[in-house]
Amino acid sequence: MKKILIFFTILFFAIGTTDAQSKRNKKKADTETAKWNYTIECVGESNAGVYTLKVFSILRDESLAGLQASKNAVHAVIFQGINGQGSKCAKKPPLARSPFLEAEFENYFKEFFASTEKEDLNSFSKYVNVIEVVTDRMKVSKKEYRIGTLLTVNIALLRKTLEKEKIIKSLNSGF
């Protein structure tokens, strides 16, 4: 009986330590993502307003690549736009017409990028589907990697949601 109790105690602490480390890594990755250190490559587009993008994120933990790349892709669509490469994609301007939009709606975007549940009405993850988590991996420094992730972003749905929330103006509203 004593051996079983010791076994379960050790098991409990091992699981707790692993979970705490995972949360610490995610928090570090979120902090790094808030610096928005990424590059975007357009791979293709469809008529339905869905773009296939390759996102290169700088990360310490490869297991967080899909989540962080999703955040980076949505951030790029809203605030940076997408450069067209050759005949694959047309150049898309950012959904945000104002360079101050992120600061103006800081609380909204903090909550928007914090939630990872697709069911959450105010979550970036509704607009992104990860196709392949790690396509390219390159060591940047002793502990950091530049990780490429292939994903799709539903720009049309994202635009409609931001217009409905009155974050951006609709296309037919004029100047």
N, C-alpha and C. Protein backbone atom coordinates (compact mmCIF):
# COMPACT_ATOMS: atom_id res chain seq x y z
N MET A 1 0.82 -1.20 0.00
CA MET A 1 0.00 0.00 0.00
C MET A 1 0.86 1.26 0.00
N LYS A 2 1.95 1.19 0.80
CA LYS A 2 2.84 2.34 0.90
C LYS A 2 3.52 2.62 -0.45
N LYS A 3 3.90 1.55 -1.15
CA LYS A 3 4.54 1.70 -2.45
C LYS A 3 3.59 2.33 -3.47
N ILE A 4 2.34 1.95 -3.41
CA ILE A 4 1.35 2.51 -4.34
C ILE A 4 1.15 3.99 -4.05
N LEU A 5 1.10 4.36 -2.79
CA LEU A 5 0.94 5.77 -2.41
C LEU A 5 2.14 6.59 -2.88
N ILE A 6 3.34 6.06 -2.71
CA ILE A 6 4.55 6.75 -3.16
C ILE A 6 4.54 6.87 -4.68
N PHE A 7 4.15 5.80 -5.37
CA PHE A 7 4.08 5.83 -6.83
C PHE A 7 3.14 6.92 -7.33
N PHE A 8 1.93 6.98 -6.76
CA PHE A 8 0.96 7.99 -7.19
C PHE A 8 1.40 9.41 -6.83
N THR A 9 2.09 9.57 -5.72
CA THR A 9 2.61 10.89 -5.34
C THR A 9 3.65 11.35 -6.36
N ILE A 10 4.56 10.47 -6.71
CA ILE A 10 5.58 10.81 -7.71
C ILE A 10 4.94 11.09 -9.06
N LEU A 11 3.98 10.28 -9.44
CA LEU A 11 3.27 10.48 -10.71
C LEU A 11 2.56 11.83 -10.73
N PHE A 12 1.91 12.17 -9.64
CA PHE A 12 1.19 13.45 -9.53
C PHE A 12 2.15 14.63 -9.72
N PHE A 13 3.30 14.60 -9.04
CA PHE A 13 4.26 15.69 -9.16
C PHE A 13 4.90 15.74 -10.55
N ALA A 14 5.12 14.60 -11.15
CA ALA A 14 5.70 14.57 -12.50
C ALA A 14 4.75 15.20 -13.51
N ILE A 15 3.48 14.86 -13.42
CA ILE A 15 2.49 15.44 -14.34
C ILE A 15 2.33 16.93 -14.08
N GLY A 16 2.30 17.33 -12.82
CA GLY A 16 2.18 18.75 -12.48
C GLY A 16 3.35 19.56 -12.98
N THR A 17 4.55 19.02 -12.86
CA THR A 17 5.75 19.72 -13.34
C THR A 17 5.73 19.86 -14.85
N THR A 18 5.35 18.81 -15.55
CA THR A 18 5.27 18.85 -17.01
C THR A 18 4.24 19.86 -17.48
N ASP A 19 3.09 19.88 -16.83
CA ASP A 19 2.04 20.83 -17.18
C ASP A 19 2.49 22.27 -16.93
N ALA A 20 3.17 22.50 -15.81
CA ALA A 20 3.66 23.84 -15.49
C ALA A 20 4.69 24.30 -16.53
N GLN A 21 5.57 23.39 -16.94
CA GLN A 21 6.58 23.73 -17.96
C GLN A 21 5.92 24.06 -19.28
N SER A 22 4.90 23.31 -19.64
CA SER A 22 4.17 23.56 -20.89
C SER A 22 3.51 24.94 -20.86
N LYS A 23 2.90 25.29 -19.73
CA LYS A 23 2.27 26.61 -19.59
C LYS A 23 3.31 27.71 -19.66
N ARG A 24 4.47 27.49 -19.04
CA ARG A 24 5.55 28.48 -19.08
C ARG A 24 6.02 28.69 -20.52
N ASN A 25 6.19 27.60 -21.27
CA ASN A 25 6.62 27.70 -22.66
C ASN A 25 5.60 28.45 -23.50
N LYS A 26 4.30 28.17 -23.28
CA LYS A 26 3.25 28.86 -24.02
C LYS A 26 3.25 30.35 -23.69
N LYS A 27 3.43 30.68 -22.42
CA LYS A 27 3.46 32.09 -22.01
C LYS A 27 4.65 32.82 -22.65
N LYS A 28 5.81 32.15 -22.68
CA LYS A 28 6.98 32.73 -23.34
C LYS A 28 6.72 32.94 -24.83
N ALA A 29 6.09 31.95 -25.44
CA ALA A 29 5.79 32.05 -26.87
C ALA A 29 4.80 33.18 -27.13
N ASP A 30 3.80 33.34 -26.26
CA ASP A 30 2.85 34.45 -26.41
C ASP A 30 3.55 35.79 -26.27
N THR A 31 4.50 35.88 -25.35
CA THR A 31 5.27 37.11 -25.17
C THR A 31 6.08 37.40 -26.42
N GLU A 32 6.71 36.38 -26.97
CA GLU A 32 7.49 36.55 -28.20
C GLU A 32 6.59 36.91 -29.38
N THR A 33 5.41 36.30 -29.44
CA THR A 33 4.49 36.58 -30.53
C THR A 33 4.01 38.02 -30.47
N ALA A 34 3.87 38.56 -29.27
CA ALA A 34 3.42 39.95 -29.12
C ALA A 34 4.40 40.93 -29.77
N LYS A 35 5.63 40.49 -30.02
CA LYS A 35 6.60 41.32 -30.74
C LYS A 35 6.36 41.26 -32.24
N TRP A 36 5.54 40.30 -32.69
CA TRP A 36 5.16 40.11 -34.09
C TRP A 36 6.39 40.01 -34.99
N ASN A 37 7.25 39.04 -34.66
CA ASN A 37 8.47 38.78 -35.42
C ASN A 37 8.21 37.60 -36.36
N TYR A 38 7.76 37.91 -37.58
CA TYR A 38 7.42 36.86 -38.53
C TYR A 38 7.54 37.39 -39.95
N THR A 39 7.53 36.46 -40.91
CA THR A 39 7.44 36.81 -42.32
C THR A 39 6.36 35.94 -42.95
N ILE A 40 5.72 36.49 -43.98
CA ILE A 40 4.60 35.80 -44.63
C ILE A 40 4.93 35.62 -46.11
N GLU A 41 4.58 34.46 -46.62
CA GLU A 41 4.70 34.16 -48.05
C GLU A 41 3.34 33.67 -48.53
N CYS A 42 2.83 34.24 -49.59
CA CYS A 42 1.55 33.79 -50.13
C CYS A 42 1.81 32.60 -51.06
N VAL A 43 1.07 31.52 -50.85
CA VAL A 43 1.25 30.31 -51.64
C VAL A 43 0.12 30.16 -52.66
N GLY A 44 -1.06 30.67 -52.33
CA GLY A 44 -2.19 30.57 -53.24
C GLY A 44 -3.42 31.27 -52.69
N GLU A 45 -4.41 31.46 -53.57
CA GLU A 45 -5.66 32.08 -53.14
C GLU A 45 -6.83 31.43 -53.86
N SER A 46 -8.00 31.50 -53.24
CA SER A 46 -9.20 30.96 -53.87
C SER A 46 -10.18 32.10 -54.10
N ASN A 47 -11.22 31.82 -54.87
CA ASN A 47 -12.23 32.83 -55.15
C ASN A 47 -13.08 33.16 -53.93
N ALA A 48 -13.09 32.29 -52.95
CA ALA A 48 -13.95 32.46 -51.77
C ALA A 48 -13.33 33.36 -50.71
N GLY A 49 -12.23 34.02 -51.01
CA GLY A 49 -11.59 34.89 -50.03
C GLY A 49 -10.72 34.15 -49.03
N VAL A 50 -10.21 32.99 -49.44
CA VAL A 50 -9.33 32.20 -48.57
C VAL A 50 -7.94 32.19 -49.19
N TYR A 51 -6.95 32.58 -48.40
CA TYR A 51 -5.56 32.59 -48.85
C TYR A 51 -4.79 31.46 -48.18
N THR A 52 -3.91 30.82 -48.94
CA THR A 52 -2.99 29.84 -48.39
C THR A 52 -1.67 30.56 -48.18
N LEU A 53 -1.20 30.56 -46.95
CA LEU A 53 0.00 31.31 -46.59
C LEU A 53 1.03 30.39 -45.94
N LYS A 54 2.28 30.76 -46.12
CA LYS A 54 3.36 30.11 -45.39
C LYS A 54 3.90 31.17 -44.43
N VAL A 55 3.83 30.88 -43.15
CA VAL A 55 4.24 31.82 -42.11
C VAL A 55 5.52 31.31 -41.47
N PHE A 56 6.52 32.19 -41.40
CA PHE A 56 7.78 31.86 -40.74
C PHE A 56 7.84 32.60 -39.42
N SER A 57 7.80 31.85 -38.31
CA SER A 57 7.81 32.43 -36.97
C SER A 57 9.12 32.08 -36.28
N ILE A 58 9.58 32.97 -35.41
CA ILE A 58 10.77 32.72 -34.61
C ILE A 58 10.30 32.20 -33.25
N LEU A 59 10.65 30.94 -32.94
CA LEU A 59 10.17 30.30 -31.71
C LEU A 59 11.28 29.51 -31.03
N ARG A 60 11.08 29.27 -29.74
CA ARG A 60 11.98 28.41 -28.97
C ARG A 60 11.45 26.98 -28.92
N ASP A 61 10.13 26.82 -28.96
CA ASP A 61 9.50 25.51 -28.80
C ASP A 61 8.71 25.17 -30.06
N GLU A 62 9.13 24.13 -30.76
CA GLU A 62 8.49 23.75 -32.02
C GLU A 62 7.04 23.31 -31.84
N SER A 63 6.69 22.82 -30.67
CA SER A 63 5.32 22.34 -30.45
C SER A 63 4.29 23.47 -30.49
N LEU A 64 4.73 24.71 -30.33
CA LEU A 64 3.82 25.85 -30.36
C LEU A 64 3.76 26.52 -31.73
N ALA A 65 4.40 25.93 -32.72
CA ALA A 65 4.51 26.55 -34.04
C ALA A 65 3.16 26.80 -34.70
N GLY A 66 2.26 25.83 -34.66
CA GLY A 66 0.96 25.99 -35.31
C GLY A 66 0.15 27.12 -34.73
N LEU A 67 0.08 27.19 -33.41
CA LEU A 67 -0.69 28.24 -32.73
C LEU A 67 -0.10 29.62 -32.99
N GLN A 68 1.21 29.75 -32.84
CA GLN A 68 1.84 31.06 -33.01
C GLN A 68 1.79 31.51 -34.48
N ALA A 69 1.95 30.58 -35.40
CA ALA A 69 1.85 30.92 -36.82
C ALA A 69 0.44 31.37 -37.18
N SER A 70 -0.56 30.76 -36.56
CA SER A 70 -1.95 31.17 -36.81
C SER A 70 -2.16 32.62 -36.37
N LYS A 71 -1.67 32.95 -35.18
CA LYS A 71 -1.77 34.33 -34.69
C LYS A 71 -1.05 35.29 -35.63
N ASN A 72 0.16 34.89 -36.05
CA ASN A 72 0.95 35.75 -36.94
C ASN A 72 0.26 35.97 -38.28
N ALA A 73 -0.38 34.93 -38.81
CA ALA A 73 -1.05 35.06 -40.11
C ALA A 73 -2.23 36.02 -40.02
N VAL A 74 -3.05 35.89 -38.99
CA VAL A 74 -4.20 36.78 -38.83
C VAL A 74 -3.72 38.21 -38.58
N HIS A 75 -2.66 38.36 -37.79
CA HIS A 75 -2.10 39.69 -37.54
C HIS A 75 -1.62 40.32 -38.85
N ALA A 76 -0.97 39.54 -39.69
CA ALA A 76 -0.49 40.06 -40.98
C ALA A 76 -1.64 40.49 -41.87
N VAL A 77 -2.70 39.70 -41.92
CA VAL A 77 -3.85 40.04 -42.76
C VAL A 77 -4.50 41.34 -42.29
N ILE A 78 -4.61 41.51 -40.98
CA ILE A 78 -5.28 42.71 -40.45
C ILE A 78 -4.39 43.94 -40.54
N PHE A 79 -3.12 43.84 -40.16
CA PHE A 79 -2.29 45.03 -39.98
C PHE A 79 -1.21 45.25 -41.02
N GLN A 80 -0.77 44.22 -41.76
CA GLN A 80 0.32 44.39 -42.71
C GLN A 80 -0.08 44.20 -44.16
N GLY A 81 -1.05 43.37 -44.40
CA GLY A 81 -1.40 43.03 -45.76
C GLY A 81 -0.54 41.88 -46.25
N ILE A 82 -0.83 41.43 -47.46
CA ILE A 82 -0.12 40.29 -48.03
C ILE A 82 0.50 40.72 -49.35
N ASN A 83 1.80 40.51 -49.46
CA ASN A 83 2.48 40.80 -50.72
C ASN A 83 2.20 39.69 -51.71
N GLY A 84 1.91 40.07 -52.94
CA GLY A 84 1.71 39.06 -53.98
C GLY A 84 3.04 38.63 -54.54
N GLN A 85 3.24 37.34 -54.69
CA GLN A 85 4.46 36.83 -55.30
C GLN A 85 4.12 36.25 -56.66
N GLY A 86 4.58 36.90 -57.69
CA GLY A 86 4.37 36.40 -59.05
C GLY A 86 2.89 36.29 -59.38
N SER A 87 2.51 35.19 -60.01
CA SER A 87 1.12 35.00 -60.41
C SER A 87 0.32 34.19 -59.39
N LYS A 88 0.95 33.80 -58.28
CA LYS A 88 0.26 32.99 -57.28
C LYS A 88 -0.82 33.77 -56.54
N CYS A 89 -0.51 34.98 -56.16
CA CYS A 89 -1.44 35.77 -55.34
C CYS A 89 -1.42 37.23 -55.77
N ALA A 90 -2.59 37.84 -55.66
CA ALA A 90 -2.67 39.28 -55.87
C ALA A 90 -2.29 39.96 -54.57
N LYS A 91 -1.69 41.13 -54.66
CA LYS A 91 -1.32 41.87 -53.46
C LYS A 91 -2.59 42.30 -52.73
N LYS A 92 -2.63 42.06 -51.43
CA LYS A 92 -3.79 42.43 -50.61
C LYS A 92 -3.36 43.47 -49.59
N PRO A 93 -4.03 44.62 -49.57
CA PRO A 93 -3.71 45.61 -48.53
C PRO A 93 -4.21 45.11 -47.18
N PRO A 94 -3.72 45.67 -46.09
CA PRO A 94 -4.21 45.25 -44.78
C PRO A 94 -5.68 45.62 -44.59
N LEU A 95 -6.39 44.84 -43.80
CA LEU A 95 -7.79 45.15 -43.52
C LEU A 95 -7.91 46.46 -42.74
N ALA A 96 -6.92 46.74 -41.91
CA ALA A 96 -6.90 47.98 -41.14
C ALA A 96 -6.40 49.11 -42.03
N ARG A 97 -7.24 50.09 -42.24
CA ARG A 97 -6.82 51.23 -43.06
C ARG A 97 -5.96 52.19 -42.26
N SER A 98 -6.13 52.22 -40.97
CA SER A 98 -5.38 53.12 -40.10
C SER A 98 -4.21 52.40 -39.45
N PRO A 99 -3.03 53.01 -39.44
CA PRO A 99 -1.89 52.38 -38.77
C PRO A 99 -2.03 52.39 -37.24
N PHE A 100 -2.99 53.15 -36.73
CA PHE A 100 -3.19 53.26 -35.28
C PHE A 100 -4.30 52.35 -34.77
N LEU A 101 -4.86 51.53 -35.64
CA LEU A 101 -6.00 50.69 -35.27
C LEU A 101 -5.67 49.72 -34.13
N GLU A 102 -4.49 49.15 -34.16
CA GLU A 102 -4.11 48.19 -33.12
C GLU A 102 -4.05 48.86 -31.75
N ALA A 103 -3.51 50.05 -31.68
CA ALA A 103 -3.45 50.78 -30.41
C ALA A 103 -4.83 51.28 -30.00
N GLU A 104 -5.63 51.67 -30.97
CA GLU A 104 -6.97 52.20 -30.70
C GLU A 104 -7.88 51.14 -30.09
N PHE A 105 -7.79 49.92 -30.58
CA PHE A 105 -8.62 48.81 -30.09
C PHE A 105 -7.75 47.77 -29.38
N GLU A 106 -6.83 48.24 -28.57
CA GLU A 106 -5.85 47.36 -27.92
C GLU A 106 -6.52 46.26 -27.09
N ASN A 107 -7.51 46.60 -26.30
CA ASN A 107 -8.18 45.59 -25.46
C ASN A 107 -8.89 44.53 -26.30
N TYR A 108 -9.53 44.97 -27.38
CA TYR A 108 -10.21 44.03 -28.27
C TYR A 108 -9.23 43.02 -28.86
N PHE A 109 -8.11 43.52 -29.40
CA PHE A 109 -7.14 42.62 -30.04
C PHE A 109 -6.39 41.76 -29.03
N LYS A 110 -6.19 42.26 -27.82
CA LYS A 110 -5.55 41.44 -26.78
C LYS A 110 -6.42 40.22 -26.48
N GLU A 111 -7.72 40.44 -26.34
CA GLU A 111 -8.65 39.33 -26.10
C GLU A 111 -8.78 38.46 -27.35
N PHE A 112 -8.80 39.09 -28.52
CA PHE A 112 -8.94 38.40 -29.80
C PHE A 112 -7.81 37.39 -30.00
N PHE A 113 -6.57 37.78 -29.72
CA PHE A 113 -5.43 36.90 -29.92
C PHE A 113 -5.16 35.99 -28.73
N ALA A 114 -5.78 36.25 -27.58
CA ALA A 114 -5.57 35.41 -26.40
C ALA A 114 -6.39 34.13 -26.46
N SER A 115 -7.59 34.20 -27.01
CA SER A 115 -8.47 33.03 -27.04
C SER A 115 -8.06 32.10 -28.18
N THR A 116 -8.03 30.80 -27.88
CA THR A 116 -7.64 29.83 -28.91
C THR A 116 -8.76 28.87 -29.27
N GLU A 117 -9.93 29.05 -28.69
CA GLU A 117 -11.06 28.16 -28.96
C GLU A 117 -11.81 28.60 -30.20
N LYS A 118 -12.00 27.70 -31.15
CA LYS A 118 -12.72 28.03 -32.38
C LYS A 118 -14.18 28.38 -32.11
N GLU A 119 -14.74 27.85 -31.02
CA GLU A 119 -16.14 28.13 -30.69
C GLU A 119 -16.31 29.54 -30.13
N ASP A 120 -15.23 30.11 -29.60
CA ASP A 120 -15.29 31.46 -29.04
C ASP A 120 -15.58 32.44 -30.17
N LEU A 121 -16.60 33.26 -29.99
CA LEU A 121 -17.00 34.19 -31.04
C LEU A 121 -15.92 35.23 -31.31
N ASN A 122 -15.13 35.56 -30.31
CA ASN A 122 -14.10 36.58 -30.48
C ASN A 122 -12.72 35.92 -30.41
N SER A 123 -12.39 35.13 -31.43
CA SER A 123 -11.13 34.41 -31.45
C SER A 123 -10.54 34.40 -32.86
N PHE A 124 -9.24 34.60 -32.94
CA PHE A 124 -8.55 34.57 -34.22
C PHE A 124 -8.61 33.19 -34.86
N SER A 125 -8.70 32.14 -34.05
CA SER A 125 -8.60 30.77 -34.55
C SER A 125 -9.76 30.34 -35.44
N LYS A 126 -10.87 31.10 -35.43
CA LYS A 126 -11.99 30.78 -36.32
C LYS A 126 -11.64 30.99 -37.79
N TYR A 127 -10.65 31.82 -38.05
CA TYR A 127 -10.34 32.24 -39.42
C TYR A 127 -9.13 31.52 -40.00
N VAL A 128 -8.52 30.61 -39.24
CA VAL A 128 -7.28 29.97 -39.66
C VAL A 128 -7.41 28.45 -39.58
N ASN A 129 -6.88 27.77 -40.59
CA ASN A 129 -6.76 26.31 -40.56
C ASN A 129 -5.32 25.96 -40.87
N VAL A 130 -4.69 25.23 -39.98
CA VAL A 130 -3.30 24.82 -40.19
C VAL A 130 -3.30 23.58 -41.07
N ILE A 131 -2.55 23.66 -42.18
CA ILE A 131 -2.44 22.54 -43.11
C ILE A 131 -1.26 21.65 -42.70
N GLU A 132 -0.11 22.27 -42.51
CA GLU A 132 1.09 21.54 -42.12
C GLU A 132 1.85 22.38 -41.10
N VAL A 133 2.04 21.82 -39.91
CA VAL A 133 2.61 22.60 -38.81
C VAL A 133 4.05 23.00 -39.08
N VAL A 134 4.90 22.07 -39.44
CA VAL A 134 6.31 22.40 -39.67
C VAL A 134 6.69 22.00 -41.08
N THR A 135 6.89 23.01 -41.94
CA THR A 135 7.33 22.74 -43.30
C THR A 135 8.83 23.00 -43.44
N ASP A 136 9.31 24.02 -42.76
CA ASP A 136 10.73 24.38 -42.78
C ASP A 136 11.18 24.66 -41.36
N ARG A 137 12.43 24.31 -41.09
CA ARG A 137 12.99 24.59 -39.77
C ARG A 137 14.43 25.03 -39.97
N MET A 138 14.79 26.18 -39.39
CA MET A 138 16.15 26.67 -39.50
C MET A 138 16.57 27.24 -38.14
N LYS A 139 17.74 26.86 -37.68
CA LYS A 139 18.23 27.35 -36.39
C LYS A 139 18.72 28.79 -36.57
N VAL A 140 18.18 29.70 -35.76
CA VAL A 140 18.52 31.11 -35.85
C VAL A 140 19.57 31.47 -34.81
N SER A 141 19.40 30.97 -33.60
CA SER A 141 20.35 31.19 -32.53
C SER A 141 20.45 29.91 -31.70
N LYS A 142 21.11 30.01 -30.56
CA LYS A 142 21.32 28.81 -29.75
C LYS A 142 20.01 28.13 -29.35
N LYS A 143 18.98 28.93 -29.04
CA LYS A 143 17.72 28.35 -28.57
C LYS A 143 16.52 28.70 -29.45
N GLU A 144 16.73 29.42 -30.54
CA GLU A 144 15.59 29.85 -31.36
C GLU A 144 15.65 29.25 -32.76
N TYR A 145 14.44 28.99 -33.27
CA TYR A 145 14.30 28.41 -34.60
C TYR A 145 13.35 29.27 -35.43
N ARG A 146 13.61 29.32 -36.71
CA ARG A 146 12.68 29.95 -37.67
C ARG A 146 11.89 28.79 -38.27
N ILE A 147 10.60 28.73 -37.90
CA ILE A 147 9.78 27.59 -38.28
C ILE A 147 8.71 28.03 -39.27
N GLY A 148 8.66 27.34 -40.41
CA GLY A 148 7.66 27.62 -41.43
C GLY A 148 6.42 26.76 -41.23
N THR A 149 5.25 27.39 -41.32
CA THR A 149 3.98 26.69 -41.15
C THR A 149 3.06 27.05 -42.31
N LEU A 150 2.43 26.05 -42.91
CA LEU A 150 1.51 26.25 -44.02
C LEU A 150 0.09 26.27 -43.48
N LEU A 151 -0.67 27.32 -43.82
CA LEU A 151 -2.04 27.43 -43.32
C LEU A 151 -2.91 28.25 -44.26
N THR A 152 -4.21 28.20 -44.03
CA THR A 152 -5.15 29.01 -44.80
C THR A 152 -5.80 30.02 -43.87
N VAL A 153 -6.10 31.20 -44.43
CA VAL A 153 -6.79 32.25 -43.68
C VAL A 153 -8.02 32.66 -44.46
N ASN A 154 -9.17 32.64 -43.82
CA ASN A 154 -10.42 33.06 -44.44
C ASN A 154 -10.56 34.57 -44.26
N ILE A 155 -10.04 35.31 -45.23
CA ILE A 155 -10.01 36.76 -45.14
C ILE A 155 -11.41 37.35 -45.25
N ALA A 156 -12.26 36.77 -46.08
CA ALA A 156 -13.62 37.29 -46.26
C ALA A 156 -14.40 37.23 -44.95
N LEU A 157 -14.34 36.12 -44.25
CA LEU A 157 -15.04 35.97 -42.98
C LEU A 157 -14.45 36.89 -41.91
N LEU A 158 -13.13 37.02 -41.89
CA LEU A 158 -12.46 37.90 -40.94
C LEU A 158 -12.89 39.35 -41.17
N ARG A 159 -12.94 39.76 -42.43
CA ARG A 159 -13.36 41.12 -42.76
C ARG A 159 -14.79 41.37 -42.28
N LYS A 160 -15.70 40.43 -42.55
CA LYS A 160 -17.10 40.59 -42.14
C LYS A 160 -17.23 40.74 -40.63
N THR A 161 -16.48 39.93 -39.90
CA THR A 161 -16.54 39.99 -38.43
C THR A 161 -16.01 41.33 -37.92
N LEU A 162 -14.89 41.79 -38.45
CA LEU A 162 -14.33 43.07 -38.00
C LEU A 162 -15.24 44.24 -38.38
N GLU A 163 -15.92 44.14 -39.52
CA GLU A 163 -16.88 45.18 -39.90
C GLU A 163 -18.08 45.16 -38.96
N LYS A 164 -18.57 43.98 -38.63
CA LYS A 164 -19.72 43.85 -37.74
C LYS A 164 -19.40 44.39 -36.34
N GLU A 165 -18.17 44.18 -35.89
CA GLU A 165 -17.73 44.68 -34.58
C GLU A 165 -17.36 46.17 -34.63
N LYS A 166 -17.44 46.76 -35.82
CA LYS A 166 -17.11 48.17 -36.05
C LYS A 166 -15.64 48.49 -35.73
N ILE A 167 -14.78 47.51 -36.00
CA ILE A 167 -13.34 47.70 -35.85
C ILE A 167 -12.79 48.32 -37.13
N ILE A 168 -13.26 47.83 -38.27
CA ILE A 168 -12.88 48.41 -39.55
C ILE A 168 -14.15 48.84 -40.28
N LYS A 169 -13.97 49.73 -41.24
CA LYS A 169 -15.11 50.18 -42.04
C LYS A 169 -15.33 49.22 -43.20
N SER A 170 -16.58 49.09 -43.62
CA SER A 170 -16.88 48.20 -44.73
C SER A 170 -16.36 48.81 -46.03
N LEU A 171 -16.18 47.96 -47.03
CA LEU A 171 -15.64 48.41 -48.30
C LEU A 171 -16.55 49.42 -49.00
N ASN A 172 -17.85 49.30 -48.81
CA ASN A 172 -18.78 50.20 -49.50
C ASN A 172 -19.10 51.45 -48.68
N SER A 173 -18.37 51.69 -47.59
CA SER A 173 -18.64 52.88 -46.77
C SER A 173 -17.94 54.12 -47.32
N GLY A 174 -17.05 53.94 -48.27
CA GLY A 174 -16.34 55.08 -48.84
C GLY A 174 -15.16 55.47 -47.97
N PHE A 175 -14.77 56.73 -48.08
CA PHE A 175 -13.60 57.18 -47.33
C PHE A 175 -14.09 57.92 -46.15
